[in-house]
C-alpha atoms as a PDB file:
ATOM      1  CA  MET A   1     113.554 133.779  86.083  1.00  0.00           C
ATOM      2  CA  PRO A   2     111.164 130.836  85.515  1.00  0.00           C
ATOM      3  CA  GLN A   3     110.134 128.857  88.549  1.00  0.00           C
ATOM      4  CA  ALA A   4     111.716 125.399  88.705  1.00  0.00           C
ATOM      5  CA  ILE A   5     109.391 122.442  88.545  1.00  0.00           C
ATOM      6  CA  GLY A   6     110.819 119.540  90.463  1.00  0.00           C
ATOM      7  CA  LYS A   7     114.482 119.060  89.691  1.00  0.00           C
ATOM      8  CA  ALA A   8     114.106 118.588  85.977  1.00  0.00           C
ATOM      9  CA  VAL A   9     112.265 121.360  84.168  1.00  0.00           C
ATOM     10  CA  SER A  10     111.653 125.076  84.453  1.00  0.00           C
ATOM     11  CA  GLU A  11     108.326 126.605  83.559  1.00  0.00           C
ATOM     12  CA  GLY A  12     109.967 128.247  80.534  1.00  0.00           C
ATOM     13  CA  GLU A  13     111.286 124.912  79.284  1.00  0.00           C
ATOM     14  CA  LEU A  14     107.914 123.303  79.800  1.00  0.00           C
ATOM     15  CA  ARG A  15     106.230 126.113  77.866  1.00  0.00           C
ATOM     16  CA  ARG A  16     108.649 125.598  74.957  1.00  0.00           C
ATOM     17  CA  ILE A  17     108.024 121.834  74.955  1.00  0.00           C
ATOM     18  CA  ILE A  18     104.251 122.308  74.797  1.00  0.00           C
ATOM     19  CA  CYS A  19     104.029 125.411  72.571  1.00  0.00           C
ATOM     20  CA  GLU A  20     106.894 125.100  70.090  1.00  0.00           C
ATOM     21  CA  PRO A  21     106.661 122.384  67.443  1.00  0.00           C
ATOM     22  CA  LEU A  22     110.436 122.413  66.891  1.00  0.00           C
ATOM     23  CA  ALA A  23     111.433 121.941  70.539  1.00  0.00           C
ATOM     24  CA  GLY A  24     111.795 118.164  70.161  1.00  0.00           C
ATOM     25  CA  ASP A  25     115.404 118.240  71.334  1.00  0.00           C
ATOM     26  CA  LEU A  26     114.371 119.933  74.572  1.00  0.00           C
ATOM     27  CA  LEU A  27     111.436 117.527  74.976  1.00  0.00           C
ATOM     28  CA  VAL A  28     113.808 114.544  74.745  1.00  0.00           C
ATOM     29  CA  LYS A  29     116.361 116.061  77.143  1.00  0.00           C
ATOM     30  CA  VAL A  30     113.796 116.940  79.813  1.00  0.00           C
ATOM     31  CA  ALA A  31     111.835 113.679  79.444  1.00  0.00           C
ATOM     32  CA  ASN A  32     115.098 111.769  79.920  1.00  0.00           C
ATOM     33  CA  GLU A  33     115.896 113.701  83.116  1.00  0.00           C
ATOM     34  CA  ILE A  34     112.411 113.214  84.536  1.00  0.00           C
ATOM     35  CA  GLY A  35     112.259 109.550  83.519  1.00  0.00           C
ATOM     36  CA  ASP A  36     115.585 108.981  85.257  1.00  0.00           C
ATOM     37  CA  GLN A  37     114.357 110.646  88.469  1.00  0.00           C
ATOM     38  CA  LEU A  38     111.116 108.670  88.439  1.00  0.00           C
ATOM     39  CA  SER A  39     112.812 105.337  87.774  1.00  0.00           C
ATOM     40  CA  LYS A  40     114.504 105.393  91.176  1.00  0.00           C
ATOM     41  CA  THR A  41     111.293 104.940  93.181  1.00  0.00           C
ATOM     42  CA  LEU A  42     108.144 105.015  91.026  1.00  0.00           C
ATOM     43  CA  LYS A  43     106.683 101.903  89.399  1.00  0.00           C
ATOM     44  CA  ALA A  44     105.398 101.999  85.828  1.00  0.00           C
ATOM     45  CA  SER A  45     101.955 100.914  87.027  1.00  0.00           C
ATOM     46  CA  GLN A  46     101.826 104.055  89.187  1.00  0.00           C
ATOM     47  CA  ILE A  47     102.143 106.199  86.040  1.00  0.00           C
ATOM     48  CA  ARG A  48     100.216 103.967  83.656  1.00  0.00           C
ATOM     49  CA  ALA A  49      96.613 104.777  84.627  1.00  0.00           C
ATOM     50  CA  ILE A  50      97.118 108.482  84.009  1.00  0.00           C
ATOM     51  CA  PHE A  51      99.091 107.824  80.823  1.00  0.00           C
ATOM     52  CA  ASP A  52      96.343 105.555  79.475  1.00  0.00           C
ATOM     53  CA  GLU A  53      93.692 108.217  80.121  1.00  0.00           C
ATOM     54  CA  ALA A  54      95.923 110.850  78.483  1.00  0.00           C
ATOM     55  CA  GLN A  55      96.144 108.630  75.398  1.00  0.00           C
ATOM     56  CA  ARG A  56      92.357 108.202  75.282  1.00  0.00           C
ATOM     57  CA  ILE A  57      91.994 111.988  75.367  1.00  0.00           C
ATOM     58  CA  GLY A  58      94.532 112.260  72.546  1.00  0.00           C
ATOM     59  CA  ALA A  59      92.410 109.882  70.486  1.00  0.00           C
ATOM     60  CA  LEU A  60      89.400 112.163  71.006  1.00  0.00           C
ATOM     61  CA  PHE A  61      91.397 115.148  69.748  1.00  0.00           C
ATOM     62  CA  ARG A  62      92.533 113.134  66.711  1.00  0.00           C
ATOM     63  CA  ILE A  63      88.983 112.181  65.693  1.00  0.00           C
ATOM     64  CA  GLY A  64      87.659 115.709  66.140  1.00  0.00           C
ATOM     65  CA  LYS A  65      85.705 115.380  69.402  1.00  0.00           C
ATOM     66  CA  PHE A  66      87.128 118.661  70.672  1.00  0.00           C
ATOM     67  CA  GLU A  67      84.632 119.513  73.442  1.00  0.00           C
ATOM     68  CA  GLU A  68      84.769 116.055  74.991  1.00  0.00           C
ATOM     69  CA  ALA A  69      88.562 115.978  74.748  1.00  0.00           C
ATOM     70  CA  VAL A  70      88.902 119.367  76.451  1.00  0.00           C
ATOM     71  CA  ARG A  71      86.452 118.414  79.203  1.00  0.00           C
ATOM     72  CA  ARG A  72      88.343 115.189  79.894  1.00  0.00           C
ATOM     73  CA  ALA A  73      91.677 117.030  79.761  1.00  0.00           C
ATOM     74  CA  TYR A  74      90.437 119.333  82.533  1.00  0.00           C
ATOM     75  CA  LEU A  75      89.347 116.271  84.521  1.00  0.00           C
ATOM     76  CA  LEU A  76      92.821 114.781  84.168  1.00  0.00           C
ATOM     77  CA  ASP A  77      94.068 117.361  86.698  1.00  0.00           C
ATOM     78  CA  PRO A  78      92.146 115.934  89.706  1.00  0.00           C
ATOM     79  CA  LYS A  79      92.955 112.378  88.591  1.00  0.00           C
ATOM     80  CA  ILE A  80      96.658 113.219  88.605  1.00  0.00           C
ATOM     81  CA  ALA A  81      96.369 114.799  92.060  1.00  0.00           C
ATOM     82  CA  TYR A  82      94.485 111.768  93.399  1.00  0.00           C
ATOM     83  CA  ARG A  83      97.034 109.287  92.029  1.00  0.00           C
ATOM     84  CA  ALA A  84      99.978 111.277  93.414  1.00  0.00           C
ATOM     85  CA  LYS A  85      98.364 111.437  96.862  1.00  0.00           C
ATOM     86  CA  ARG A  86      97.538 107.737  96.773  1.00  0.00           C
ATOM     87  CA  VAL A  87     101.107 106.778  95.829  1.00  0.00           C
ATOM     88  CA  THR A  88     102.498 109.037  98.570  1.00  0.00           C
ATOM     89  CA  GLU A  89     100.226 107.504 101.216  1.00  0.00           C
ATOM     90  CA  ARG A  90     101.190 103.956 100.240  1.00  0.00           C
ATOM     91  CA  ASP A  91     104.907 104.469  99.701  1.00  0.00           C
ATOM     92  CA  LYS A  92     106.659 107.498 101.210  1.00  0.00           C
ATOM     93  CA  LYS A  93     109.786 106.793  99.143  1.00  0.00           C
ATOM     94  CA  ALA A  94     107.822 107.002  95.877  1.00  0.00           C
ATOM     95  CA  GLY A  95     105.881 110.048  97.073  1.00  0.00           C
ATOM     96  CA  GLY A  96     108.475 112.578  95.942  1.00  0.00           C
ATOM     97  CA  ALA A  97     108.562 111.103  92.449  1.00  0.00           C
ATOM     98  CA  ALA A  98     104.759 111.010  92.286  1.00  0.00           C
ATOM     99  CA  GLU A  99     104.606 114.650  93.330  1.00  0.00           C
ATOM    100  CA  LEU A 100     107.229 115.575  90.710  1.00  0.00           C
ATOM    101  CA  ILE A 101     105.381 113.939  87.820  1.00  0.00           C
ATOM    102  CA  ALA A 102     102.054 115.328  89.054  1.00  0.00           C
ATOM    103  CA  GLU A 103     103.446 118.865  89.217  1.00  0.00           C
ATOM    104  CA  VAL A 104     104.985 118.639  85.741  1.00  0.00           C
ATOM    105  CA  LEU A 105     101.864 117.137  84.145  1.00  0.00           C
ATOM    106  CA  VAL A 106      99.432 119.566  85.766  1.00  0.00           C
ATOM    107  CA  LYS A 107     101.540 122.566  84.763  1.00  0.00           C
ATOM    108  CA  ALA A 108     101.818 121.212  81.214  1.00  0.00           C
ATOM    109  CA  LEU A 109      98.044 120.682  81.022  1.00  0.00           C
ATOM    110  CA  ARG A 110      97.433 124.264  82.089  1.00  0.00           C
ATOM    111  CA  ILE A 111      99.697 125.454  79.279  1.00  0.00           C
ATOM    112  CA  VAL A 112      97.810 123.215  76.823  1.00  0.00           C
ATOM    113  CA  LEU A 113      94.410 124.552  77.858  1.00  0.00           C
ATOM    114  CA  GLU A 114      95.221 128.245  78.296  1.00  0.00           C
ATOM    115  CA  LYS A 115      94.115 128.987  74.711  1.00  0.00           C
ATOM    116  CA  LYS A 116      90.923 126.944  74.874  1.00  0.00           C
ATOM    117  CA  ASP A 117      89.175 129.116  72.275  1.00  0.00           C
ATOM    118  CA  ASP A 118      91.729 128.165  69.596  1.00  0.00           C
ATOM    119  CA  ARG A 119      90.850 124.588  68.687  1.00  0.00           C
ATOM    120  CA  ASP A 120      93.824 123.988  66.416  1.00  0.00           C
ATOM    121  CA  GLU A 121      96.306 125.329  68.954  1.00  0.00           C
ATOM    122  CA  VAL A 122      94.841 123.338  71.849  1.00  0.00           C
ATOM    123  CA  ARG A 123      94.840 120.166  69.755  1.00  0.00           C
ATOM    124  CA  ALA A 124      98.461 120.700  68.676  1.00  0.00           C
ATOM    125  CA  ARG A 125      99.554 121.500  72.230  1.00  0.00           C
ATOM    126  CA  TYR A 126      97.779 118.470  73.639  1.00  0.00           C
ATOM    127  CA  LEU A 127      99.422 116.169  71.126  1.00  0.00           C
ATOM    128  CA  ARG A 128     102.853 117.620  72.062  1.00  0.00           C
ATOM    129  CA  PHE A 129     101.934 117.113  75.753  1.00  0.00           C
ATOM    130  CA  LEU A 130     101.141 113.502  74.943  1.00  0.00           C
ATOM    131  CA  GLU A 131     104.487 113.057  73.150  1.00  0.00           C
ATOM    132  CA  PHE A 132     106.241 114.500  76.198  1.00  0.00           C
ATOM    133  CA  PHE A 133     104.370 112.197  78.575  1.00  0.00           C
ATOM    134  CA  GLU A 134     105.094 109.193  76.337  1.00  0.00           C
ATOM    135  CA  ALA A 135     108.804 110.069  76.306  1.00  0.00           C
ATOM    136  CA  ILE A 136     108.845 110.307  80.119  1.00  0.00           C
ATOM    137  CA  VAL A 137     107.257 106.850  80.393  1.00  0.00           C
ATOM    138  CA  ALA A 138     109.745 105.432  77.877  1.00  0.00           C
ATOM    139  CA  TYR A 139     112.747 106.916  79.665  1.00  0.00           C
ATOM    140  CA  HIS A 140     111.393 105.717  83.016  1.00  0.00           C
ATOM    141  CA  LYS A 141     111.553 102.180  81.650  1.00  0.00           C
ATOM    142  CA  ALA A 142     114.915 102.762  79.901  1.00  0.00           C
ATOM    143  CA  HIS A 143     116.454 103.883  83.204  1.00  0.00           C
ATOM    144  CA  GLY A 144     115.331 100.703  84.933  1.00  0.00           C
ATOM    145  CA  GLY A 145     111.919 101.716  86.258  1.00  0.00           C
ATOM    146  CA  LYS A 146     110.149  98.648  87.547  1.00  0.00           C
ATOM    147  CA  ASP A 147     106.582  97.562  86.950  1.00  0.00           C
END
């Protein structure tokens, strides 16, 4: 049985979201659940810095700068961990939500990068990761997440 990540997504579901191009329905369902959970305590600005960097990495993949994109994708992991810790230290109530999003994003990034020798697959997976992250941010706002 897949290990649960937070309260919203199992590892198996996350793998399908990242690896299967036709799992858009699952992506939307899970992003909605996570966005709802995050909206209760996490501010949009607490997610935004990581989301903006994720988008910049996506742009590198789109223009064919594969090595730089992969390097920066690996470096996103410690940035996520730092942000989650910082949020937790400043606001204990938001800490659980920060840890949830950090755990989901880090696990998703590992799935993206596990086939690092297959450029096309990594690029496709990263762009699906970015869609997933974008949907989480959108649902966070839709469920009343504050800025």
